[in-house]
Amino acid sequence: AINKSNSGHPGAPMGQAPIGYVLFAEEMNFNPADPQWLNRDRFVLSSGHGCMLQYSLLHLTGYDSVAMDDIKQFRQWGSKTPGHPENFETAGIEVTTGPLGMGISNAV
């Protein structure tokens, strides 16, 4: 998806994949059928430019908000998978992050 868009940062999603797997598969509590579940754990991606990791994890864990077709439209105008995560655009994204460090200040 990153290569197809001819834009983006492949290093962050690939480098962060192991920790993403551990968090989503073994540690976090969430419900893809109810993304607004009050008792869910929140995943805040401080490095918003690496959001393909978050989109992939949402897709693989069953969120309807990120289908394979959405991933194929990564960073395209009007897509549900913009180049930085937008909480008003994609269910499962907890906070909009862009500039480095913005996510950690939101997570506190």
C-alpha atoms as a PDB file:
ATOM      1  CA  ALA A   1       0.000   0.000   0.000  1.00  0.00           C
ATOM      2  CA  ILE A   2       2.825   2.406   0.819  1.00  0.00           C
ATOM      3  CA  ASN A   3       4.610   1.658  -2.444  1.00  0.00           C
ATOM      4  CA  LYS A   4       1.375   1.888  -4.438  1.00  0.00           C
ATOM      5  CA  SER A   5       0.614   5.318  -3.001  1.00  0.00           C
ATOM      6  CA  ASN A   6       4.112   6.433  -3.984  1.00  0.00           C
ATOM      7  CA  SER A   7       4.161   8.222  -0.658  1.00  0.00           C
ATOM      8  CA  GLY A   8       4.604   7.338   2.973  1.00  0.00           C
ATOM      9  CA  HIS A   9       7.078   5.825   5.380  1.00  0.00           C
ATOM     10  CA  PRO A  10       7.556   2.042   5.153  1.00  0.00           C
ATOM     11  CA  GLY A  11      10.240   1.844   7.855  1.00  0.00           C
ATOM     12  CA  ALA A  12       8.074   2.755  10.830  1.00  0.00           C
ATOM     13  CA  PRO A  13       5.272   0.246  10.155  1.00  0.00           C
ATOM     14  CA  MET A  14       7.712  -2.581   9.483  1.00  0.00           C
ATOM     15  CA  GLY A  15       9.932  -1.743  12.456  1.00  0.00           C
ATOM     16  CA  GLN A  16       6.999  -1.334  14.843  1.00  0.00           C
ATOM     17  CA  ALA A  17       5.136  -4.458  13.674  1.00  0.00           C
ATOM     18  CA  PRO A  18       6.454  -6.782  16.430  1.00  0.00           C
ATOM     19  CA  ILE A  19       5.321  -4.486  19.251  1.00  0.00           C
ATOM     20  CA  GLY A  20       2.051  -3.828  17.440  1.00  0.00           C
ATOM     21  CA  TYR A  21       1.421  -7.565  17.265  1.00  0.00           C
ATOM     22  CA  VAL A  22       2.125  -8.065  20.965  1.00  0.00           C
ATOM     23  CA  LEU A  23      -0.116  -5.162  21.979  1.00  0.00           C
ATOM     24  CA  PHE A  24      -3.088  -6.062  19.778  1.00  0.00           C
ATOM     25  CA  ALA A  25      -2.843  -9.866  20.041  1.00  0.00           C
ATOM     26  CA  GLU A  26      -1.812 -10.314  23.656  1.00  0.00           C
ATOM     27  CA  GLU A  27      -2.212  -7.197  25.778  1.00  0.00           C
ATOM     28  CA  MET A  28      -4.919  -4.771  24.723  1.00  0.00           C
ATOM     29  CA  ASN A  29      -8.638  -5.026  25.436  1.00  0.00           C
ATOM     30  CA  PHE A  30     -10.818  -3.799  22.576  1.00  0.00           C
ATOM     31  CA  ASN A  31     -13.924  -4.779  20.659  1.00  0.00           C
ATOM     32  CA  PRO A  32     -13.928  -4.291  16.869  1.00  0.00           C
ATOM     33  CA  ALA A  33     -17.731  -4.612  16.864  1.00  0.00           C
ATOM     34  CA  ASP A  34     -17.951  -1.676  19.303  1.00  0.00           C
ATOM     35  CA  PRO A  35     -15.043   0.730  18.673  1.00  0.00           C
ATOM     36  CA  GLN A  36     -16.424   3.159  21.281  1.00  0.00           C
ATOM     37  CA  TRP A  37     -16.573   0.530  24.070  1.00  0.00           C
ATOM     38  CA  LEU A  38     -15.937   2.549  27.221  1.00  0.00           C
ATOM     39  CA  ASN A  39     -13.537   0.082  28.874  1.00  0.00           C
ATOM     40  CA  ARG A  40     -11.279  -0.368  25.827  1.00  0.00           C
ATOM     41  CA  ASP A  41      -7.543   0.193  25.874  1.00  0.00           C
ATOM     42  CA  ARG A  42      -6.433   3.083  23.692  1.00  0.00           C
ATOM     43  CA  PHE A  43      -3.652   2.783  21.119  1.00  0.00           C
ATOM     44  CA  VAL A  44      -2.125   6.168  20.367  1.00  0.00           C
ATOM     45  CA  LEU A  45       0.392   6.231  17.537  1.00  0.00           C
ATOM     46  CA  SER A  46       2.729   9.131  18.253  1.00  0.00           C
ATOM     47  CA  SER A  47       4.486   8.786  14.908  1.00  0.00           C
ATOM     48  CA  GLY A  48       1.426   9.429  12.774  1.00  0.00           C
ATOM     49  CA  HIS A  49       3.437   9.060   9.574  1.00  0.00           C
ATOM     50  CA  GLY A  50       3.732   5.334  10.368  1.00  0.00           C
ATOM     51  CA  CYS A  51      -0.051   4.899  10.433  1.00  0.00           C
ATOM     52  CA  MET A  52      -0.064   1.990   7.966  1.00  0.00           C
ATOM     53  CA  LEU A  53       0.857  -0.122  11.006  1.00  0.00           C
ATOM     54  CA  GLN A  54      -2.300   1.033  12.782  1.00  0.00           C
ATOM     55  CA  TYR A  55      -4.505   0.550   9.724  1.00  0.00           C
ATOM     56  CA  SER A  56      -3.089  -2.956   9.210  1.00  0.00           C
ATOM     57  CA  LEU A  57      -3.652  -3.892  12.831  1.00  0.00           C
ATOM     58  CA  LEU A  58      -7.216  -2.598  12.756  1.00  0.00           C
ATOM     59  CA  HIS A  59      -7.885  -4.593   9.588  1.00  0.00           C
ATOM     60  CA  LEU A  60      -6.313  -7.790  10.915  1.00  0.00           C
ATOM     61  CA  THR A  61      -8.162  -7.593  14.242  1.00  0.00           C
ATOM     62  CA  GLY A  62     -11.565  -7.277  12.604  1.00  0.00           C
ATOM     63  CA  TYR A  63     -12.445  -3.585  12.485  1.00  0.00           C
ATOM     64  CA  ASP A  64     -14.966  -2.991   9.687  1.00  0.00           C
ATOM     65  CA  SER A  65     -13.637   0.540   9.323  1.00  0.00           C
ATOM     66  CA  VAL A  66     -10.486  -0.658   7.541  1.00  0.00           C
ATOM     67  CA  ALA A  67     -11.170  -3.124   4.737  1.00  0.00           C
ATOM     68  CA  MET A  68      -8.517  -4.334   2.300  1.00  0.00           C
ATOM     69  CA  ASP A  69      -9.891  -1.911  -0.289  1.00  0.00           C
ATOM     70  CA  ASP A  70      -9.323   0.929   2.196  1.00  0.00           C
ATOM     71  CA  ILE A  71      -5.725  -0.155   2.683  1.00  0.00           C
ATOM     72  CA  LYS A  72      -5.258  -0.174  -1.093  1.00  0.00           C
ATOM     73  CA  GLN A  73      -6.419   3.448  -1.098  1.00  0.00           C
ATOM     74  CA  PHE A  74      -3.819   4.507   1.486  1.00  0.00           C
ATOM     75  CA  ARG A  75      -2.949   8.218   1.257  1.00  0.00           C
ATOM     76  CA  GLN A  76      -5.419   8.856  -1.563  1.00  0.00           C
ATOM     77  CA  TRP A  77      -7.760  11.836  -1.529  1.00  0.00           C
ATOM     78  CA  GLY A  78     -11.026  10.998   0.241  1.00  0.00           C
ATOM     79  CA  SER A  79      -9.680   7.703   1.586  1.00  0.00           C
ATOM     80  CA  LYS A  80     -10.541   6.271   5.030  1.00  0.00           C
ATOM     81  CA  THR A  81      -6.791   5.649   5.381  1.00  0.00           C
ATOM     82  CA  PRO A  82      -5.160   9.086   5.140  1.00  0.00           C
ATOM     83  CA  GLY A  83      -1.414   9.615   5.526  1.00  0.00           C
ATOM     84  CA  HIS A  84      -1.801  10.513   9.191  1.00  0.00           C
ATOM     85  CA  PRO A  85      -4.494   8.879  11.343  1.00  0.00           C
ATOM     86  CA  GLU A  86      -7.673  10.899  11.754  1.00  0.00           C
ATOM     87  CA  ASN A  87     -10.015   9.956  14.612  1.00  0.00           C
ATOM     88  CA  PHE A  88     -13.017  11.481  12.838  1.00  0.00           C
ATOM     89  CA  GLU A  89     -12.297   9.541   9.632  1.00  0.00           C
ATOM     90  CA  THR A  90     -11.635   5.951  10.703  1.00  0.00           C
ATOM     91  CA  ALA A  91     -13.267   4.021  13.572  1.00  0.00           C
ATOM     92  CA  GLY A  92     -10.607   2.524  15.825  1.00  0.00           C
ATOM     93  CA  ILE A  93      -8.300   5.533  15.548  1.00  0.00           C
ATOM     94  CA  GLU A  94      -8.344   7.065  19.026  1.00  0.00           C
ATOM     95  CA  VAL A  95      -6.638  10.358  18.309  1.00  0.00           C
ATOM     96  CA  THR A  96      -5.504  12.356  15.301  1.00  0.00           C
ATOM     97  CA  THR A  97      -1.706  12.546  15.197  1.00  0.00           C
ATOM     98  CA  GLY A  98       0.573  14.248  12.758  1.00  0.00           C
ATOM     99  CA  PRO A  99       3.707  16.031  13.955  1.00  0.00           C
ATOM    100  CA  LEU A 100       6.147  13.858  15.895  1.00  0.00           C
ATOM    101  CA  GLY A 101       5.438  13.938  19.601  1.00  0.00           C
ATOM    102  CA  MET A 102       1.826  14.955  19.184  1.00  0.00           C
ATOM    103  CA  GLY A 103       0.574  11.476  20.067  1.00  0.00           C
ATOM    104  CA  ILE A 104       2.428  11.178  23.347  1.00  0.00           C
ATOM    105  CA  SER A 105       1.035  14.486  24.573  1.00  0.00           C
ATOM    106  CA  ASN A 106      -2.465  13.249  23.740  1.00  0.00           C
ATOM    107  CA  ALA A 107      -1.890   9.914  25.476  1.00  0.00           C
ATOM    108  CA  VAL A 108      -1.007  11.471  28.814  1.00  0.00           C
END
